[in-house]
Amino acid sequence: EALKNADIALADFTHMLVPMKGRMIHKR
């Protein structure tokens, strides 16, 4: 939100983003 309200277009950095939908817990 802060980037968007500074008029920085999402398209300028979308290529840098890797989405994470949750935690993957690795047990012993």
PDB file of all heavy atoms in Angstrom:
ATOM      1  N   GLU A   1       0.826  -1.208   0.000  1.00  0.00           N
ATOM      2  CA  GLU A   1       0.000   0.000   0.000  1.00  0.00           C
ATOM      3  C   GLU A   1       0.861   1.259   0.000  1.00  0.00           C
ATOM      4  O   GLU A   1       0.563   2.232  -0.696  1.00  0.00           O
ATOM      5  CB  GLU A   1      -0.932   0.000   1.222  1.00  0.00           C
ATOM      6  CG  GLU A   1      -2.105  -0.940   1.103  1.00  0.00           C
ATOM      7  CD  GLU A   1      -3.051  -0.530  -0.008  1.00  0.00           C
ATOM      8  OE1 GLU A   1      -3.641   0.568   0.078  1.00  0.00           O
ATOM      9  OE2 GLU A   1      -3.190  -1.302  -0.980  1.00  0.00           O
ATOM     10  N   ALA A   2       1.934   1.236   0.780  1.00  0.00           N
ATOM     11  CA  ALA A   2       2.819   2.400   0.843  1.00  0.00           C
ATOM     12  C   ALA A   2       3.494   2.642  -0.505  1.00  0.00           C
ATOM     13  O   ALA A   2       3.646   3.792  -0.939  1.00  0.00           O
ATOM     14  CB  ALA A   2       3.863   2.216   1.936  1.00  0.00           C
ATOM     15  N   LEU A   3       3.909   1.593  -1.174  1.00  0.00           N
ATOM     16  CA  LEU A   3       4.518   1.739  -2.503  1.00  0.00           C
ATOM     17  C   LEU A   3       3.503   2.252  -3.507  1.00  0.00           C
ATOM     18  O   LEU A   3       3.792   3.155  -4.311  1.00  0.00           O
ATOM     19  CB  LEU A   3       5.097   0.395  -2.962  1.00  0.00           C
ATOM     20  CG  LEU A   3       6.320  -0.111  -2.182  1.00  0.00           C
ATOM     21  CD1 LEU A   3       6.619  -1.562  -2.534  1.00  0.00           C
ATOM     22  CD2 LEU A   3       7.547   0.760  -2.468  1.00  0.00           C
ATOM     23  N   LYS A   4       2.309   1.710  -3.468  1.00  0.00           N
ATOM     24  CA  LYS A   4       1.264   2.135  -4.411  1.00  0.00           C
ATOM     25  C   LYS A   4       0.905   3.597  -4.206  1.00  0.00           C
ATOM     26  O   LYS A   4       0.776   4.355  -5.177  1.00  0.00           O
ATOM     27  CB  LYS A   4       0.017   1.262  -4.222  1.00  0.00           C
ATOM     28  CG  LYS A   4      -1.114   1.586  -5.184  1.00  0.00           C
ATOM     29  CD  LYS A   4      -2.308   0.667  -4.982  1.00  0.00           C
ATOM     30  CE  LYS A   4      -3.076   1.045  -3.735  1.00  0.00           C
ATOM     31  NZ  LYS A   4      -4.333   0.265  -3.579  1.00  0.00           N
ATOM     32  N   ASN A   5       0.772   4.026  -2.965  1.00  0.00           N
ATOM     33  CA  ASN A   5       0.393   5.414  -2.683  1.00  0.00           C
ATOM     34  C   ASN A   5       1.520   6.401  -2.950  1.00  0.00           C
ATOM     35  O   ASN A   5       1.296   7.613  -2.988  1.00  0.00           O
ATOM     36  CB  ASN A   5      -0.081   5.544  -1.234  1.00  0.00           C
ATOM     37  CG  ASN A   5      -1.437   4.884  -1.020  1.00  0.00           C
ATOM     38  OD1 ASN A   5      -2.283   4.903  -1.897  1.00  0.00           O
ATOM     39  ND2 ASN A   5      -1.636   4.278   0.140  1.00  0.00           N
ATOM     40  N   ALA A   6       2.733   5.875  -3.149  1.00  0.00           N
ATOM     41  CA  ALA A   6       3.854   6.734  -3.566  1.00  0.00           C
ATOM     42  C   ALA A   6       3.937   6.795  -5.093  1.00  0.00           C
ATOM     43  O   ALA A   6       4.923   7.314  -5.637  1.00  0.00           O
ATOM     44  CB  ALA A   6       5.159   6.202  -2.993  1.00  0.00           C
ATOM     45  N   ASP A   7       2.900   6.254  -5.748  1.00  0.00           N
ATOM     46  CA  ASP A   7       2.822   6.252  -7.222  1.00  0.00           C
ATOM     47  C   ASP A   7       3.900   5.383  -7.860  1.00  0.00           C
ATOM     48  O   ASP A   7       4.359   5.649  -8.976  1.00  0.00           O
ATOM     49  CB  ASP A   7       2.903   7.681  -7.794  1.00  0.00           C
ATOM     50  CG  ASP A   7       1.766   8.567  -7.312  1.00  0.00           C
ATOM     51  OD1 ASP A   7       0.667   8.034  -7.076  1.00  0.00           O
ATOM     52  OD2 ASP A   7       1.988   9.781  -7.147  1.00  0.00           O
ATOM     53  N   ILE A   8       4.312   4.344  -7.136  1.00  0.00           N
ATOM     54  CA  ILE A   8       5.242   3.372  -7.703  1.00  0.00           C
ATOM     55  C   ILE A   8       4.427   2.224  -8.259  1.00  0.00           C
ATOM     56  O   ILE A   8       3.707   1.540  -7.522  1.00  0.00           O
ATOM     57  CB  ILE A   8       6.240   2.875  -6.646  1.00  0.00           C
ATOM     58  CG1 ILE A   8       7.100   4.045  -6.165  1.00  0.00           C
ATOM     59  CG2 ILE A   8       7.114   1.751  -7.187  1.00  0.00           C
ATOM     60  CD1 ILE A   8       8.003   3.721  -5.008  1.00  0.00           C
ATOM     61  N   ALA A   9       4.492   2.028  -9.547  1.00  0.00           N
ATOM     62  CA  ALA A   9       3.654   1.043 -10.211  1.00  0.00           C
ATOM     63  C   ALA A   9       4.077  -0.370  -9.836  1.00  0.00           C
ATOM     64  O   ALA A   9       5.278  -0.682  -9.804  1.00  0.00           O
ATOM     65  CB  ALA A   9       3.723   1.231 -11.730  1.00  0.00           C
ATOM     66  N   LEU A  10       3.100  -1.212  -9.560  1.00  0.00           N
ATOM     67  CA  LEU A  10       3.378  -2.612  -9.227  1.00  0.00           C
ATOM     68  C   LEU A  10       4.170  -3.284 -10.340  1.00  0.00           C
ATOM     69  O   LEU A  10       5.032  -4.133 -10.072  1.00  0.00           O
ATOM     70  CB  LEU A  10       2.065  -3.356  -8.982  1.00  0.00           C
ATOM     71  CG  LEU A  10       2.165  -4.818  -8.538  1.00  0.00           C
ATOM     72  CD1 LEU A  10       2.841  -4.920  -7.190  1.00  0.00           C
ATOM     73  CD2 LEU A  10       0.779  -5.462  -8.499  1.00  0.00           C
ATOM     74  N   ALA A  11       3.912  -2.871 -11.566  1.00  0.00           N
ATOM     75  CA  ALA A  11       4.605  -3.478 -12.708  1.00  0.00           C
ATOM     76  C   ALA A  11       6.113  -3.246 -12.652  1.00  0.00           C
ATOM     77  O   ALA A  11       6.881  -4.010 -13.247  1.00  0.00           O
ATOM     78  CB  ALA A  11       4.042  -2.907 -14.007  1.00  0.00           C
ATOM     79  N   ASP A  12       6.536  -2.203 -11.915  1.00  0.00           N
ATOM     80  CA  ASP A  12       7.959  -1.891 -11.832  1.00  0.00           C
ATOM     81  C   ASP A  12       8.742  -2.916 -11.030  1.00  0.00           C
ATOM     82  O   ASP A  12       9.969  -3.018 -11.168  1.00  0.00           O
ATOM     83  CB  ASP A  12       8.162  -0.498 -11.201  1.00  0.00           C
ATOM     84  CG  ASP A  12       7.699   0.631 -12.122  1.00  0.00           C
ATOM     85  OD1 ASP A  12       7.508   0.367 -13.318  1.00  0.00           O
ATOM     86  OD2 ASP A  12       7.528   1.755 -11.625  1.00  0.00           O
ATOM     87  N   PHE A  13       8.036  -3.668 -10.179  1.00  0.00           N
ATOM     88  CA  PHE A  13       8.780  -4.627  -9.355  1.00  0.00           C
ATOM     89  C   PHE A  13       8.099  -5.992  -9.244  1.00  0.00           C
ATOM     90  O   PHE A  13       8.550  -6.853  -8.471  1.00  0.00           O
ATOM     91  CB  PHE A  13       9.041  -4.049  -7.958  1.00  0.00           C
ATOM     92  CG  PHE A  13       7.814  -3.700  -7.156  1.00  0.00           C
ATOM     93  CD1 PHE A  13       7.297  -4.596  -6.237  1.00  0.00           C
ATOM     94  CD2 PHE A  13       7.195  -2.471  -7.308  1.00  0.00           C
ATOM     95  CE1 PHE A  13       6.175  -4.274  -5.491  1.00  0.00           C
ATOM     96  CE2 PHE A  13       6.079  -2.134  -6.560  1.00  0.00           C
ATOM     97  CZ  PHE A  13       5.560  -3.045  -5.644  1.00  0.00           C
ATOM     98  N   THR A  14       7.049  -6.235 -10.038  1.00  0.00           N
ATOM     99  CA  THR A  14       6.378  -7.536  -9.993  1.00  0.00           C
ATOM    100  C   THR A  14       7.353  -8.676 -10.273  1.00  0.00           C
ATOM    101  O   THR A  14       7.262  -9.750  -9.666  1.00  0.00           O
ATOM    102  CB  THR A  14       5.225  -7.580 -11.013  1.00  0.00           C
ATOM    103  OG1 THR A  14       4.294  -6.540 -10.710  1.00  0.00           O
ATOM    104  CG2 THR A  14       4.512  -8.915 -10.977  1.00  0.00           C
ATOM    105  N   HIS A  15       8.282  -8.434 -11.178  1.00  0.00           N
ATOM    106  CA  HIS A  15       9.227  -9.492 -11.548  1.00  0.00           C
ATOM    107  C   HIS A  15      10.141  -9.888 -10.386  1.00  0.00           C
ATOM    108  O   HIS A  15      10.777 -10.944 -10.420  1.00  0.00           O
ATOM    109  CB  HIS A  15      10.081  -9.028 -12.731  1.00  0.00           C
ATOM    110  CG  HIS A  15      10.979  -7.865 -12.414  1.00  0.00           C
ATOM    111  ND1 HIS A  15      10.512  -6.572 -12.304  1.00  0.00           N
ATOM    112  CD2 HIS A  15      12.316  -7.808 -12.153  1.00  0.00           C
ATOM    113  CE1 HIS A  15      11.520  -5.771 -11.995  1.00  0.00           C
ATOM    114  NE2 HIS A  15      12.620  -6.495 -11.907  1.00  0.00           N
ATOM    115  N   MET A  16      10.218  -9.044  -9.349  1.00  0.00           N
ATOM    116  CA  MET A  16      11.072  -9.352  -8.199  1.00  0.00           C
ATOM    117  C   MET A  16      10.349 -10.206  -7.154  1.00  0.00           C
ATOM    118  O   MET A  16      10.981 -10.726  -6.234  1.00  0.00           O
ATOM    119  CB  MET A  16      11.511  -8.055  -7.496  1.00  0.00           C
ATOM    120  CG  MET A  16      12.172  -7.020  -8.364  1.00  0.00           C
ATOM    121  SD  MET A  16      12.537  -5.553  -7.355  1.00  0.00           S
ATOM    122  CE  MET A  16      12.899  -4.358  -8.648  1.00  0.00           C
ATOM    123  N   LEU A  17       9.025 -10.334  -7.270  1.00  0.00           N
ATOM    124  CA  LEU A  17       8.215 -10.933  -6.220  1.00  0.00           C
ATOM    125  C   LEU A  17       8.031 -12.432  -6.407  1.00  0.00           C
ATOM    126  O   LEU A  17       7.745 -12.891  -7.516  1.00  0.00           O
ATOM    127  CB  LEU A  17       6.839 -10.262  -6.158  1.00  0.00           C
ATOM    128  CG  LEU A  17       6.800  -8.758  -5.936  1.00  0.00           C
ATOM    129  CD1 LEU A  17       5.366  -8.252  -6.016  1.00  0.00           C
ATOM    130  CD2 LEU A  17       7.420  -8.391  -4.602  1.00  0.00           C
ATOM    131  N   VAL A  18       8.175 -13.161  -5.320  1.00  0.00           N
ATOM    132  CA  VAL A  18       7.851 -14.591  -5.311  1.00  0.00           C
ATOM    133  C   VAL A  18       6.766 -14.792  -4.255  1.00  0.00           C
ATOM    134  O   VAL A  18       7.006 -14.592  -3.062  1.00  0.00           O
ATOM    135  CB  VAL A  18       9.073 -15.462  -4.975  1.00  0.00           C
ATOM    136  CG1 VAL A  18       8.694 -16.940  -5.006  1.00  0.00           C
ATOM    137  CG2 VAL A  18      10.223 -15.183  -5.934  1.00  0.00           C
ATOM    138  N   PRO A  19       5.543 -15.154  -4.672  1.00  0.00           N
ATOM    139  CA  PRO A  19       4.447 -15.291  -3.701  1.00  0.00           C
ATOM    140  C   PRO A  19       4.658 -16.466  -2.755  1.00  0.00           C
ATOM    141  O   PRO A  19       5.171 -17.515  -3.138  1.00  0.00           O
ATOM    142  CB  PRO A  19       3.210 -15.509  -4.581  1.00  0.00           C
ATOM    143  CG  PRO A  19       3.733 -16.016  -5.876  1.00  0.00           C
ATOM    144  CD  PRO A  19       5.092 -15.411  -6.053  1.00  0.00           C
ATOM    145  N   MET A  20       4.258 -16.271  -1.499  1.00  0.00           N
ATOM    146  CA  MET A  20       4.298 -17.332  -0.493  1.00  0.00           C
ATOM    147  C   MET A  20       2.908 -17.409   0.145  1.00  0.00           C
ATOM    148  O   MET A  20       2.445 -16.438   0.748  1.00  0.00           O
ATOM    149  CB  MET A  20       5.364 -17.037   0.573  1.00  0.00           C
ATOM    150  CG  MET A  20       6.780 -16.984   0.032  1.00  0.00           C
ATOM    151  SD  MET A  20       8.043 -16.751   1.323  1.00  0.00           S
ATOM    152  CE  MET A  20       7.676 -15.079   1.893  1.00  0.00           C
ATOM    153  N   LYS A  21       2.239 -18.554  -0.009  1.00  0.00           N
ATOM    154  CA  LYS A  21       0.859 -18.696   0.454  1.00  0.00           C
ATOM    155  C   LYS A  21       0.759 -19.223   1.882  1.00  0.00           C
ATOM    156  O   LYS A  21      -0.328 -19.268   2.441  1.00  0.00           O
ATOM    157  CB  LYS A  21       0.080 -19.604  -0.490  1.00  0.00           C
ATOM    158  CG  LYS A  21       0.650 -20.995  -0.646  1.00  0.00           C
ATOM    159  CD  LYS A  21      -0.092 -21.763  -1.722  1.00  0.00           C
ATOM    160  CE  LYS A  21       0.511 -23.142  -1.962  1.00  0.00           C
ATOM    161  NZ  LYS A  21      -0.166 -23.856  -3.068  1.00  0.00           N
ATOM    162  N   GLY A  22       1.874 -19.651   2.455  1.00  0.00           N
ATOM    163  CA  GLY A  22       1.822 -20.150   3.823  1.00  0.00           C
ATOM    164  C   GLY A  22       3.160 -20.692   4.271  1.00  0.00           C
ATOM    165  O   GLY A  22       4.169 -20.603   3.561  1.00  0.00           O
ATOM    166  N   ARG A  23       3.158 -21.239   5.469  1.00  0.00           N
ATOM    167  CA  ARG A  23       4.349 -21.874   6.029  1.00  0.00           C
ATOM    168  C   ARG A  23       4.337 -23.362   5.671  1.00  0.00           C
ATOM    169  O   ARG A  23       3.287 -23.999   5.694  1.00  0.00           O
ATOM    170  CB  ARG A  23       4.369 -21.741   7.555  1.00  0.00           C
ATOM    171  CG  ARG A  23       4.383 -20.319   8.072  1.00  0.00           C
ATOM    172  CD  ARG A  23       4.119 -20.334   9.583  1.00  0.00           C
ATOM    173  NE  ARG A  23       4.193 -18.987  10.163  1.00  0.00           N
ATOM    174  CZ  ARG A  23       3.827 -18.694  11.408  1.00  0.00           C
ATOM    175  NH1 ARG A  23       3.362 -19.655  12.187  1.00  0.00           N
ATOM    176  NH2 ARG A  23       3.921 -17.464  11.872  1.00  0.00           N
ATOM    177  N   MET A  24       5.505 -23.879   5.381  1.00  0.00           N
ATOM    178  CA  MET A  24       5.667 -25.324   5.228  1.00  0.00           C
ATOM    179  C   MET A  24       6.552 -25.784   6.385  1.00  0.00           C
ATOM    180  O   MET A  24       7.736 -25.428   6.455  1.00  0.00           O
ATOM    181  CB  MET A  24       6.299 -25.678   3.891  1.00  0.00           C
ATOM    182  CG  MET A  24       6.407 -27.185   3.650  1.00  0.00           C
ATOM    183  SD  MET A  24       4.799 -28.034   3.606  1.00  0.00           S
ATOM    184  CE  MET A  24       4.115 -27.405   2.064  1.00  0.00           C
ATOM    185  N   ILE A  25       5.971 -26.544   7.300  1.00  0.00           N
ATOM    186  CA  ILE A  25       6.669 -26.964   8.505  1.00  0.00           C
ATOM    187  C   ILE A  25       7.385 -28.287   8.255  1.00  0.00           C
ATOM    188  O   ILE A  25       6.760 -29.287   7.894  1.00  0.00           O
ATOM    189  CB  ILE A  25       5.688 -27.121   9.688  1.00  0.00           C
ATOM    190  CG1 ILE A  25       4.833 -25.855   9.853  1.00  0.00           C
ATOM    191  CG2 ILE A  25       6.445 -27.445  10.965  1.00  0.00           C
ATOM    192  CD1 ILE A  25       5.616 -24.592  10.088  1.00  0.00           C
ATOM    193  N   HIS A  26       8.710 -28.287   8.444  1.00  0.00           N
ATOM    194  CA  HIS A  26       9.519 -29.500   8.293  1.00  0.00           C
ATOM    195  C   HIS A  26       9.751 -30.101   9.673  1.00  0.00           C
ATOM    196  O   HIS A  26      10.435 -29.515  10.514  1.00  0.00           O
ATOM    197  CB  HIS A  26      10.869 -29.169   7.648  1.00  0.00           C
ATOM    198  CG  HIS A  26      10.764 -28.733   6.225  1.00  0.00           C
ATOM    199  ND1 HIS A  26      11.231 -29.489   5.178  1.00  0.00           N
ATOM    200  CD2 HIS A  26      10.239 -27.604   5.673  1.00  0.00           C
ATOM    201  CE1 HIS A  26      11.011 -28.858   4.032  1.00  0.00           C
ATOM    202  NE2 HIS A  26      10.404 -27.701   4.313  1.00  0.00           N
ATOM    203  N   LYS A  27       9.208 -31.284   9.889  1.00  0.00           N
ATOM    204  CA  LYS A  27       9.345 -31.945  11.178  1.00  0.00           C
ATOM    205  C   LYS A  27      10.642 -32.752  11.222  1.00  0.00           C
ATOM    206  O   LYS A  27      11.280 -32.991  10.199  1.00  0.00           O
ATOM    207  CB  LYS A  27       8.131 -32.829  11.432  1.00  0.00           C
ATOM    208  CG  LYS A  27       6.817 -32.031  11.417  1.00  0.00           C
ATOM    209  CD  LYS A  27       5.607 -32.923  11.623  1.00  0.00           C
ATOM    210  CE  LYS A  27       4.321 -32.084  11.565  1.00  0.00           C
ATOM    211  NZ  LYS A  27       3.109 -32.926  11.749  1.00  0.00           N
ATOM    212  N   ARG A  28      10.987 -33.209  12.409  1.00  0.00           N
ATOM    213  CA  ARG A  28      12.240 -33.953  12.583  1.00  0.00           C
ATOM    214  C   ARG A  28      12.254 -35.255  11.780  1.00  0.00           C
ATOM    215  O   ARG A  28      13.317 -35.705  11.352  1.00  0.00           O
ATOM    216  CB  ARG A  28      12.472 -34.265  14.059  1.00  0.00           C
ATOM    217  CG  ARG A  28      12.871 -33.053  14.887  1.00  0.00           C
ATOM    218  CD  ARG A  28      13.165 -33.469  16.313  1.00  0.00           C
ATOM    219  NE  ARG A  28      13.468 -32.319  17.157  1.00  0.00           N
ATOM    220  CZ  ARG A  28      14.670 -31.777  17.304  1.00  0.00           C
ATOM    221  NH1 ARG A  28      15.687 -32.294  16.651  1.00  0.00           N
ATOM    222  NH2 ARG A  28      14.853 -30.733  18.096  1.00  0.00           N
TER     223      ARG A  28
END
